N, C-alpha and C. Protein backbone atom coordinates (compact mmCIF):
# COMPACT_ATOMS: atom_id res chain seq x y z
N UNK A 1 99.09 111.55 89.42
CA UNK A 1 99.21 111.13 90.78
C UNK A 1 98.09 110.18 91.09
N UNK A 2 98.43 109.11 91.75
CA UNK A 2 97.45 108.08 92.12
C UNK A 2 96.43 108.57 93.13
N UNK A 3 95.15 108.33 92.89
CA UNK A 3 94.11 108.59 93.83
C UNK A 3 93.34 107.27 94.07
N UNK A 4 92.30 107.31 94.84
CA UNK A 4 91.59 106.08 95.19
C UNK A 4 91.21 105.19 94.03
N UNK A 5 90.60 105.71 92.93
CA UNK A 5 90.23 104.81 91.84
C UNK A 5 91.44 104.08 91.25
N UNK A 6 92.56 104.78 91.08
CA UNK A 6 93.72 104.13 90.53
C UNK A 6 94.34 103.15 91.54
N UNK A 7 94.30 103.48 92.82
CA UNK A 7 94.81 102.57 93.85
C UNK A 7 94.02 101.28 93.91
N UNK A 8 92.70 101.36 93.83
CA UNK A 8 91.86 100.15 93.82
C UNK A 8 92.18 99.31 92.60
N UNK A 9 92.29 99.93 91.42
CA UNK A 9 92.58 99.21 90.15
C UNK A 9 93.93 98.53 90.23
N UNK A 10 94.98 99.29 90.64
CA UNK A 10 96.32 98.75 90.65
C UNK A 10 96.49 97.69 91.73
N UNK A 11 95.88 97.84 92.91
CA UNK A 11 95.96 96.82 93.93
C UNK A 11 95.35 95.52 93.44
N UNK A 12 94.21 95.60 92.75
CA UNK A 12 93.58 94.41 92.22
C UNK A 12 94.42 93.73 91.15
N UNK A 13 95.04 94.55 90.28
CA UNK A 13 95.90 93.96 89.25
C UNK A 13 97.16 93.35 89.86
N UNK A 14 97.70 93.98 90.92
CA UNK A 14 98.88 93.42 91.56
C UNK A 14 98.56 92.10 92.22
N UNK A 15 97.36 92.00 92.84
CA UNK A 15 96.98 90.76 93.48
C UNK A 15 96.82 89.64 92.45
N UNK A 16 96.25 89.97 91.29
CA UNK A 16 96.03 88.96 90.25
C UNK A 16 97.34 88.58 89.53
N UNK A 17 98.24 89.52 89.34
CA UNK A 17 99.43 89.23 88.52
C UNK A 17 100.71 89.06 89.28
N UNK A 18 100.86 89.66 90.45
CA UNK A 18 102.15 89.68 91.11
C UNK A 18 102.19 88.91 92.46
N UNK A 19 101.04 88.67 93.07
CA UNK A 19 101.01 88.02 94.36
C UNK A 19 101.68 86.62 94.25
N UNK A 20 102.60 86.39 95.13
CA UNK A 20 103.30 85.09 95.16
C UNK A 20 104.58 85.09 94.32
N UNK A 21 104.80 86.12 93.53
CA UNK A 21 106.01 86.17 92.72
C UNK A 21 107.16 86.71 93.55
N UNK A 22 108.37 86.32 93.16
CA UNK A 22 109.61 86.74 93.80
C UNK A 22 110.21 87.92 93.05
N UNK A 23 110.68 88.93 93.74
CA UNK A 23 111.32 90.09 93.10
C UNK A 23 112.73 89.67 92.68
N UNK A 24 113.00 89.77 91.38
CA UNK A 24 114.31 89.41 90.83
C UNK A 24 115.33 90.54 91.05
N UNK A 25 114.91 91.78 90.80
CA UNK A 25 115.84 92.93 90.95
C UNK A 25 114.97 94.13 91.23
N UNK A 26 115.57 95.16 91.78
CA UNK A 26 114.84 96.40 92.06
C UNK A 26 115.70 97.57 91.75
N UNK A 27 115.08 98.59 91.20
CA UNK A 27 115.81 99.83 90.90
C UNK A 27 114.89 100.99 91.23
N UNK A 28 115.32 101.86 92.08
CA UNK A 28 114.53 103.03 92.48
C UNK A 28 114.81 104.16 91.52
N UNK A 29 113.79 104.67 90.89
CA UNK A 29 114.01 105.84 90.03
C UNK A 29 114.46 107.02 90.83
N UNK A 30 115.06 107.97 90.18
CA UNK A 30 115.53 109.12 90.91
C UNK A 30 115.14 110.41 90.20
N UNK A 31 114.07 110.32 89.41
CA UNK A 31 113.65 111.55 88.67
C UNK A 31 113.17 112.57 89.69
N UNK A 32 113.56 113.82 89.49
CA UNK A 32 113.14 114.83 90.44
C UNK A 32 111.64 115.10 90.40
N UNK A 33 111.02 115.08 91.53
CA UNK A 33 109.60 115.37 91.68
C UNK A 33 109.40 115.92 93.07
N UNK A 34 108.77 117.07 93.21
CA UNK A 34 108.70 117.73 94.50
C UNK A 34 107.85 117.01 95.54
N UNK A 35 107.06 116.00 95.11
CA UNK A 35 106.19 115.30 96.05
C UNK A 35 106.63 113.88 96.34
N UNK A 36 107.75 113.46 95.79
CA UNK A 36 108.21 112.07 96.04
C UNK A 36 109.13 112.04 97.24
N UNK A 37 108.81 111.17 98.16
CA UNK A 37 109.61 111.00 99.38
C UNK A 37 110.01 109.55 99.52
N UNK A 38 111.25 109.31 99.79
CA UNK A 38 111.74 107.95 100.03
C UNK A 38 112.23 107.88 101.45
N UNK A 39 112.04 106.72 102.09
CA UNK A 39 112.46 106.60 103.47
C UNK A 39 113.81 105.87 103.59
N UNK A 40 114.43 105.57 102.44
CA UNK A 40 115.75 104.92 102.45
C UNK A 40 116.56 105.44 101.26
N UNK A 41 117.86 105.34 101.36
CA UNK A 41 118.71 105.70 100.24
C UNK A 41 118.46 104.75 99.04
N UNK A 42 118.76 105.23 97.88
CA UNK A 42 118.51 104.46 96.63
C UNK A 42 119.09 103.06 96.66
N UNK A 43 120.34 102.95 97.15
CA UNK A 43 121.00 101.61 97.15
C UNK A 43 120.30 100.60 98.05
N UNK A 44 119.60 101.08 99.10
CA UNK A 44 118.91 100.17 99.99
C UNK A 44 117.82 99.38 99.27
N UNK A 45 117.09 100.06 98.37
CA UNK A 45 116.01 99.40 97.62
C UNK A 45 116.60 98.29 96.76
N UNK A 46 117.72 98.57 96.13
CA UNK A 46 118.35 97.60 95.23
C UNK A 46 118.94 96.41 96.01
N UNK A 47 119.25 96.63 97.29
CA UNK A 47 119.81 95.57 98.12
C UNK A 47 118.70 94.79 98.85
N UNK A 48 117.71 95.43 99.38
CA UNK A 48 116.71 94.81 100.25
C UNK A 48 115.61 94.08 99.43
N UNK A 49 115.15 94.63 98.34
CA UNK A 49 113.97 94.06 97.67
C UNK A 49 114.19 92.76 96.90
N UNK A 50 115.31 92.55 96.23
CA UNK A 50 115.49 91.31 95.50
C UNK A 50 115.35 90.10 96.40
N UNK A 51 114.58 89.09 95.93
CA UNK A 51 114.37 87.85 96.70
C UNK A 51 113.11 87.90 97.53
N UNK A 52 112.55 89.04 97.79
CA UNK A 52 111.33 89.16 98.57
C UNK A 52 110.15 88.64 97.74
N UNK A 53 109.22 87.97 98.42
CA UNK A 53 107.99 87.49 97.75
C UNK A 53 106.89 88.50 97.97
N UNK A 54 106.15 88.79 96.90
CA UNK A 54 105.09 89.78 96.98
C UNK A 54 103.83 89.15 97.55
N UNK A 55 103.27 89.80 98.54
CA UNK A 55 102.05 89.35 99.18
C UNK A 55 100.83 90.14 98.72
N UNK A 56 99.88 90.26 99.65
CA UNK A 56 98.62 90.94 99.38
C UNK A 56 98.83 92.44 99.18
N UNK A 57 98.14 93.00 98.17
CA UNK A 57 98.15 94.44 97.94
C UNK A 57 96.78 94.99 98.34
N UNK A 58 96.79 96.16 99.02
CA UNK A 58 95.55 96.76 99.48
C UNK A 58 95.54 98.24 99.10
N UNK A 59 94.39 98.67 98.59
CA UNK A 59 94.22 100.13 98.37
C UNK A 59 93.82 100.76 99.66
N UNK A 60 94.58 101.75 100.07
CA UNK A 60 94.27 102.50 101.27
C UNK A 60 94.36 104.00 100.92
N UNK A 61 93.21 104.58 100.65
CA UNK A 61 93.20 105.97 100.19
C UNK A 61 93.85 106.10 98.89
N UNK A 62 94.85 106.98 98.80
CA UNK A 62 95.55 107.17 97.54
C UNK A 62 96.87 106.35 97.50
N UNK A 63 96.91 105.27 98.28
CA UNK A 63 98.11 104.45 98.34
C UNK A 63 97.78 103.00 98.04
N UNK A 64 98.78 102.27 97.59
CA UNK A 64 98.73 100.82 97.47
C UNK A 64 99.81 100.31 98.43
N UNK A 65 99.37 99.54 99.41
CA UNK A 65 100.31 98.93 100.36
C UNK A 65 100.42 97.46 100.07
N UNK A 66 101.64 97.02 99.81
CA UNK A 66 101.87 95.60 99.41
C UNK A 66 102.78 94.97 100.43
N UNK A 67 102.32 93.86 100.99
CA UNK A 67 103.16 93.12 101.93
C UNK A 67 104.22 92.30 101.21
N UNK A 68 105.43 92.32 101.78
CA UNK A 68 106.55 91.56 101.25
C UNK A 68 107.05 90.65 102.34
N UNK A 69 107.67 89.55 101.97
CA UNK A 69 108.26 88.66 103.00
C UNK A 69 109.28 89.45 103.78
N UNK A 70 109.51 89.02 104.99
CA UNK A 70 110.46 89.72 105.86
C UNK A 70 109.77 90.82 106.63
N UNK A 71 108.44 90.88 106.59
CA UNK A 71 107.71 91.93 107.32
C UNK A 71 107.78 93.27 106.73
N UNK A 72 108.15 93.42 105.48
CA UNK A 72 108.23 94.71 104.87
C UNK A 72 106.92 95.05 104.16
N UNK A 73 106.68 96.35 104.00
CA UNK A 73 105.52 96.84 103.23
C UNK A 73 106.06 97.79 102.20
N UNK A 74 105.70 97.54 100.95
CA UNK A 74 106.05 98.47 99.85
C UNK A 74 104.83 99.36 99.66
N UNK A 75 105.02 100.68 99.80
CA UNK A 75 103.92 101.62 99.67
C UNK A 75 104.11 102.46 98.39
N UNK A 76 103.11 102.48 97.58
CA UNK A 76 103.08 103.27 96.36
C UNK A 76 101.91 104.21 96.44
N UNK A 77 102.07 105.42 95.89
CA UNK A 77 100.95 106.32 95.80
C UNK A 77 101.22 107.65 96.43
N UNK A 78 100.45 108.64 95.93
CA UNK A 78 100.51 110.00 96.50
C UNK A 78 101.82 110.73 96.28
N UNK A 79 102.66 110.15 95.42
CA UNK A 79 103.95 110.79 95.19
C UNK A 79 104.39 110.84 93.76
N UNK A 80 103.49 110.50 92.83
CA UNK A 80 103.83 110.57 91.43
C UNK A 80 104.49 109.33 90.87
N UNK A 81 104.74 108.32 91.75
CA UNK A 81 105.38 107.12 91.24
C UNK A 81 104.41 106.27 90.46
N UNK A 82 104.97 105.40 89.63
CA UNK A 82 104.16 104.50 88.83
C UNK A 82 104.79 103.14 88.87
N UNK A 83 103.96 102.10 88.78
CA UNK A 83 104.44 100.74 88.70
C UNK A 83 103.87 100.10 87.46
N UNK A 84 104.73 99.45 86.66
CA UNK A 84 104.28 98.79 85.45
C UNK A 84 104.79 97.38 85.46
N UNK A 85 103.95 96.46 84.91
CA UNK A 85 104.35 95.05 84.77
C UNK A 85 104.85 94.83 83.38
N UNK A 86 106.08 94.30 83.30
CA UNK A 86 106.62 93.91 82.01
C UNK A 86 107.45 92.66 82.22
N UNK A 87 107.28 91.70 81.34
CA UNK A 87 107.90 90.40 81.51
C UNK A 87 109.40 90.39 81.17
N UNK A 88 109.81 91.25 80.25
CA UNK A 88 111.23 91.30 79.92
C UNK A 88 111.57 92.70 79.43
N UNK A 89 112.86 92.92 79.13
CA UNK A 89 113.33 94.25 78.69
C UNK A 89 112.69 94.70 77.40
N UNK A 90 112.24 93.81 76.54
CA UNK A 90 111.63 94.21 75.26
C UNK A 90 110.26 94.84 75.47
N UNK A 91 109.65 94.58 76.64
CA UNK A 91 108.30 95.10 76.91
C UNK A 91 108.34 96.33 77.83
N UNK A 92 109.50 96.92 78.05
CA UNK A 92 109.56 98.09 78.93
C UNK A 92 108.72 99.23 78.38
N UNK A 93 107.88 99.82 79.20
CA UNK A 93 107.10 100.96 78.75
C UNK A 93 107.90 102.26 78.71
N UNK A 94 107.43 103.20 77.91
CA UNK A 94 108.01 104.52 77.93
C UNK A 94 107.55 105.22 79.23
N UNK A 95 108.79 105.96 79.38
CA UNK A 95 108.50 106.71 80.60
C UNK A 95 107.15 107.58 80.49
N UNK A 96 90.72 113.25 91.73
CA UNK A 96 89.37 113.50 91.23
C UNK A 96 88.49 114.41 92.08
N UNK A 97 89.46 114.99 92.57
CA UNK A 97 88.36 115.50 93.43
C UNK A 97 87.68 116.72 92.86
N UNK A 98 88.07 117.28 91.73
CA UNK A 98 87.44 118.45 91.12
C UNK A 98 86.06 118.11 90.57
N UNK A 99 85.87 116.88 90.03
CA UNK A 99 84.55 116.48 89.58
C UNK A 99 83.56 116.35 90.70
N UNK A 100 84.05 115.94 91.86
CA UNK A 100 83.16 115.83 93.03
C UNK A 100 82.62 117.22 93.39
N UNK A 101 83.50 118.19 93.47
CA UNK A 101 83.05 119.53 93.81
C UNK A 101 82.13 120.09 92.77
N UNK A 102 82.42 119.79 91.51
CA UNK A 102 81.55 120.30 90.38
C UNK A 102 80.15 119.66 90.54
N UNK A 103 80.09 118.38 90.74
CA UNK A 103 78.77 117.71 90.85
C UNK A 103 78.03 118.14 92.09
N UNK A 104 78.74 118.54 93.11
CA UNK A 104 78.10 119.01 94.36
C UNK A 104 77.80 120.50 94.30
N UNK A 105 78.28 121.20 93.25
CA UNK A 105 78.03 122.62 93.13
C UNK A 105 78.81 123.45 94.14
N UNK A 106 79.97 122.98 94.53
CA UNK A 106 80.76 123.69 95.57
C UNK A 106 82.04 124.29 94.96
N UNK A 107 82.35 125.46 95.36
CA UNK A 107 83.58 126.15 94.94
C UNK A 107 84.77 125.51 95.72
N UNK A 108 85.95 125.32 95.10
CA UNK A 108 87.07 124.71 95.81
C UNK A 108 87.52 125.45 97.04
N UNK A 109 87.29 126.76 97.11
CA UNK A 109 87.72 127.55 98.26
C UNK A 109 86.69 127.56 99.40
N UNK A 110 85.56 126.92 99.18
CA UNK A 110 84.52 126.89 100.22
C UNK A 110 84.94 126.05 101.41
N UNK A 111 84.85 126.58 102.59
CA UNK A 111 85.19 125.85 103.81
C UNK A 111 84.07 124.88 104.11
N UNK A 112 84.46 123.63 104.45
CA UNK A 112 83.47 122.56 104.69
C UNK A 112 82.47 122.97 105.80
N UNK A 113 82.97 123.65 106.83
CA UNK A 113 82.09 124.00 107.94
C UNK A 113 81.00 125.01 107.56
N UNK A 114 81.17 125.64 106.40
CA UNK A 114 80.12 126.61 105.94
C UNK A 114 79.10 125.97 105.00
N UNK A 115 79.24 124.71 104.69
CA UNK A 115 78.31 124.04 103.77
C UNK A 115 77.07 123.63 104.57
N UNK A 116 75.88 124.09 104.15
CA UNK A 116 74.63 123.73 104.86
C UNK A 116 74.33 122.23 104.73
N UNK A 117 73.44 121.70 105.58
CA UNK A 117 73.11 120.27 105.55
C UNK A 117 72.74 119.75 104.16
N UNK A 118 71.93 120.48 103.42
CA UNK A 118 71.56 120.04 102.08
C UNK A 118 72.79 119.94 101.15
N UNK A 119 73.69 120.88 101.30
CA UNK A 119 74.93 120.85 100.51
C UNK A 119 75.85 119.70 100.94
N UNK A 120 75.86 119.40 102.23
CA UNK A 120 76.65 118.25 102.75
C UNK A 120 76.13 116.95 102.15
N UNK A 121 74.79 116.77 102.09
CA UNK A 121 74.22 115.57 101.48
C UNK A 121 74.58 115.51 100.02
N UNK A 122 74.51 116.62 99.34
CA UNK A 122 74.85 116.66 97.91
C UNK A 122 76.34 116.29 97.70
N UNK A 123 77.21 116.79 98.60
CA UNK A 123 78.63 116.49 98.54
C UNK A 123 78.87 114.98 98.78
N UNK A 124 78.21 114.43 99.78
CA UNK A 124 78.32 113.01 100.13
C UNK A 124 77.96 112.16 98.90
N UNK A 125 76.83 112.45 98.27
CA UNK A 125 76.39 111.67 97.13
C UNK A 125 77.29 111.85 95.92
N UNK A 126 77.87 113.08 95.75
CA UNK A 126 78.79 113.34 94.66
C UNK A 126 80.07 112.52 94.85
N UNK A 127 80.55 112.43 96.10
CA UNK A 127 81.74 111.65 96.40
C UNK A 127 81.52 110.19 96.04
N UNK A 128 80.41 109.63 96.52
CA UNK A 128 80.13 108.22 96.24
C UNK A 128 79.96 107.96 94.74
N UNK A 129 79.28 108.84 94.04
CA UNK A 129 78.99 108.64 92.62
C UNK A 129 80.27 108.75 91.78
N UNK A 130 81.08 109.77 91.99
CA UNK A 130 82.29 109.96 91.22
C UNK A 130 83.29 108.83 91.49
N UNK A 131 83.51 108.49 92.75
CA UNK A 131 84.48 107.45 93.08
C UNK A 131 84.05 106.08 92.57
N UNK A 132 82.75 105.77 92.71
CA UNK A 132 82.20 104.52 92.21
C UNK A 132 82.38 104.41 90.72
N UNK A 133 82.08 105.50 90.02
CA UNK A 133 82.21 105.50 88.54
C UNK A 133 83.67 105.38 88.11
N UNK A 134 84.56 106.17 88.78
CA UNK A 134 85.97 106.12 88.43
C UNK A 134 86.60 104.76 88.71
N UNK A 135 86.23 104.13 89.83
CA UNK A 135 86.74 102.80 90.13
C UNK A 135 86.24 101.78 89.11
N UNK A 136 84.97 101.86 88.76
CA UNK A 136 84.41 100.89 87.82
C UNK A 136 85.07 101.01 86.41
N UNK A 137 85.57 102.24 86.12
CA UNK A 137 86.20 102.50 84.83
C UNK A 137 87.71 102.35 84.87
N UNK A 138 88.23 101.83 85.98
CA UNK A 138 89.68 101.58 86.09
C UNK A 138 90.52 102.81 86.34
N UNK A 139 89.93 103.87 86.86
CA UNK A 139 90.68 105.08 87.14
C UNK A 139 90.55 106.13 86.05
N UNK A 140 91.27 107.22 86.24
CA UNK A 140 91.19 108.33 85.32
C UNK A 140 91.95 108.06 84.01
N UNK A 141 91.46 108.64 82.94
CA UNK A 141 92.03 108.37 81.61
C UNK A 141 93.46 108.88 81.45
N UNK A 142 93.88 109.77 82.30
CA UNK A 142 95.24 110.30 82.20
C UNK A 142 96.19 109.69 83.21
N UNK A 143 95.76 108.65 83.89
CA UNK A 143 96.61 107.89 84.83
C UNK A 143 96.73 106.48 84.30
N UNK A 144 97.86 105.83 84.57
CA UNK A 144 98.16 104.51 83.99
C UNK A 144 98.01 103.41 85.05
N UNK A 145 97.59 102.22 84.61
CA UNK A 145 97.47 101.10 85.49
C UNK A 145 98.74 100.24 85.45
N UNK A 146 98.72 99.06 86.02
CA UNK A 146 99.85 98.17 86.07
C UNK A 146 100.40 97.77 84.71
N UNK A 147 99.49 97.80 83.71
CA UNK A 147 99.88 97.43 82.35
C UNK A 147 100.14 98.65 81.47
N UNK A 148 100.29 99.83 82.07
CA UNK A 148 100.54 101.10 81.39
C UNK A 148 99.42 101.52 80.50
N UNK A 149 98.17 101.13 80.85
CA UNK A 149 96.95 101.53 80.13
C UNK A 149 96.25 102.59 80.96
N UNK A 150 95.72 103.59 80.25
CA UNK A 150 94.95 104.61 80.90
C UNK A 150 93.56 104.09 81.33
N UNK A 151 93.01 104.70 82.40
CA UNK A 151 91.67 104.31 82.79
C UNK A 151 90.67 104.87 81.78
N UNK A 152 89.36 104.63 82.06
CA UNK A 152 88.36 105.08 81.13
C UNK A 152 87.45 106.20 81.74
N UNK A 153 87.84 106.66 82.94
CA UNK A 153 87.06 107.73 83.53
C UNK A 153 87.59 109.09 83.02
N UNK A 154 86.76 109.81 82.31
CA UNK A 154 87.16 111.13 81.75
C UNK A 154 86.55 112.19 82.66
N UNK A 155 87.44 112.97 83.25
CA UNK A 155 86.97 114.02 84.16
C UNK A 155 86.29 115.14 83.39
N UNK A 156 85.25 115.69 84.03
CA UNK A 156 84.58 116.86 83.44
C UNK A 156 85.37 118.14 83.70
N UNK A 157 86.06 118.21 84.84
CA UNK A 157 86.77 119.37 85.24
C UNK A 157 88.26 119.06 85.37
N UNK A 158 89.00 119.34 84.33
CA UNK A 158 90.45 119.22 84.39
C UNK A 158 91.04 120.20 83.38
N UNK A 159 92.33 120.13 83.14
CA UNK A 159 93.02 121.11 82.27
C UNK A 159 92.40 121.17 80.87
N UNK A 160 91.83 120.08 80.42
CA UNK A 160 91.22 120.03 79.08
C UNK A 160 89.91 120.81 79.02
N UNK A 161 89.31 121.08 80.18
CA UNK A 161 88.00 121.74 80.20
C UNK A 161 88.11 123.28 80.16
N UNK A 162 89.30 123.78 80.48
CA UNK A 162 89.47 125.25 80.57
C UNK A 162 89.01 125.93 79.30
N UNK A 163 88.08 126.91 79.46
CA UNK A 163 87.58 127.67 78.32
C UNK A 163 86.44 127.02 77.59
N UNK A 164 86.22 125.73 77.85
CA UNK A 164 85.11 125.02 77.16
C UNK A 164 83.79 125.33 77.95
N UNK A 165 82.65 125.12 77.32
CA UNK A 165 81.37 125.35 78.02
C UNK A 165 81.15 124.31 79.13
N UNK A 166 80.61 124.77 80.24
CA UNK A 166 80.26 123.91 81.31
C UNK A 166 79.22 122.92 80.81
N UNK A 167 79.34 121.63 81.16
CA UNK A 167 78.40 120.63 80.69
C UNK A 167 76.98 120.82 81.25
N UNK A 168 76.83 121.65 82.28
CA UNK A 168 75.50 121.88 82.86
C UNK A 168 74.84 123.16 82.40
N UNK A 169 75.66 124.25 82.31
CA UNK A 169 75.02 125.56 82.01
C UNK A 169 75.59 126.29 80.82
N UNK A 170 76.74 125.85 80.34
CA UNK A 170 77.34 126.49 79.16
C UNK A 170 78.35 127.58 79.44
N UNK A 171 78.48 128.02 80.72
CA UNK A 171 79.44 129.06 81.05
C UNK A 171 80.86 128.49 80.83
N UNK A 172 81.79 129.30 80.31
CA UNK A 172 83.15 128.80 80.12
C UNK A 172 83.79 128.37 81.45
N UNK A 173 84.44 127.23 81.43
CA UNK A 173 85.15 126.71 82.60
C UNK A 173 86.40 127.55 82.83
N UNK A 174 86.67 127.87 84.10
CA UNK A 174 87.81 128.72 84.47
C UNK A 174 88.82 127.89 85.25
N UNK A 175 90.06 128.41 85.25
CA UNK A 175 91.13 127.82 86.02
C UNK A 175 91.51 128.81 87.11
N UNK A 176 91.64 128.32 88.36
CA UNK A 176 92.15 129.15 89.45
C UNK A 176 93.28 128.40 90.10
N UNK A 177 94.13 129.19 90.82
CA UNK A 177 95.21 128.55 91.60
C UNK A 177 94.71 128.50 93.05
N UNK A 178 94.92 127.33 93.68
CA UNK A 178 94.49 127.22 95.06
C UNK A 178 95.37 126.15 95.76
N UNK A 179 95.91 126.56 96.90
CA UNK A 179 96.76 125.67 97.72
C UNK A 179 97.89 125.02 96.91
N UNK A 180 98.52 125.82 96.02
CA UNK A 180 99.63 125.34 95.26
C UNK A 180 99.32 124.53 94.04
N UNK A 181 98.06 124.40 93.69
CA UNK A 181 97.67 123.61 92.53
C UNK A 181 96.62 124.33 91.70
N UNK A 182 96.29 123.75 90.55
CA UNK A 182 95.29 124.31 89.69
C UNK A 182 93.95 123.65 89.96
N UNK A 183 92.89 124.47 89.94
CA UNK A 183 91.54 123.95 90.09
C UNK A 183 90.71 124.46 88.89
N UNK A 184 89.86 123.64 88.39
CA UNK A 184 88.99 123.97 87.23
C UNK A 184 87.59 123.97 87.73
N UNK A 185 86.79 125.00 87.38
CA UNK A 185 85.45 125.12 87.89
C UNK A 185 84.56 125.90 86.97
N UNK A 186 83.26 125.78 87.18
CA UNK A 186 82.28 126.63 86.49
C UNK A 186 81.89 127.74 87.47
N UNK A 187 82.12 128.99 87.15
CA UNK A 187 81.83 130.05 88.06
C UNK A 187 80.32 130.24 88.29
N UNK A 188 79.49 129.72 87.42
CA UNK A 188 78.04 129.81 87.62
C UNK A 188 77.54 128.69 88.51
N UNK A 189 77.93 127.47 88.20
CA UNK A 189 77.49 126.27 88.99
C UNK A 189 78.18 126.16 90.33
N UNK A 190 79.38 126.72 90.41
CA UNK A 190 80.20 126.66 91.64
C UNK A 190 80.56 128.06 92.12
N UNK A 191 79.58 128.84 92.56
CA UNK A 191 79.89 130.24 92.90
C UNK A 191 80.88 130.34 94.04
N UNK A 192 81.66 131.41 93.98
CA UNK A 192 82.67 131.68 95.02
C UNK A 192 81.99 131.91 96.36
N UNK A 193 82.63 131.47 97.45
CA UNK A 193 81.99 131.62 98.78
C UNK A 193 81.96 133.11 99.19
C-alpha cells in the first residue's frame, strides 16, 4: 500500500515521464481488495480517460493526485493500486509507520494524549527521520515505483522481523494484531502502555 515515501517517488516519476502525454487507453483492474474504492463504474474509466492529457502530479499524504485535461483529477494511493509505466505490451510487468514507533520507543497501542512531552519530541524526530530516509531511498523495498522497481528503504519492523532479535536490545521481535492489521514491535524497547 502506498504511503508518503512511495507517493513522493511516484509523483516525481510521473512528472518526469508522463506529464504532457496523452492517455491512449485505460483499463480499470477489478481484482478484489477490501480497501479499494472506485467512484465510478469500470466502463466509465475506459470511456472517460482516453484522450486526456496528463498534467502535474502531486504527493498528498499517501496519495498521488494527477491533474488531467477536462478538469479531472486521477487519484492513486491508499487502496492497494499500483501504476506502472510500460511503452508497449512486451514490457508489461507481472502482476512505515511501524519504524517510526520503534525509533520513538512507543507501543502501537499507546494513546497519543498519554505521551509525555519528551516522548512527543522523540516521536516528532522519528517521524522526520524515517520519512526523510524512506523518501531519499525511493520508498520501501517491498513497494514498487512507476518502473516496477522496489524502493531501497528496508524497514526494521515488518513481517520479516518477527522472531528476529531487536536491532537495539536483542529481544525477539513480536507480532500483535491491532485495529485490523499486524504490528511488529520490540516488547522491551516499546513497552505496552
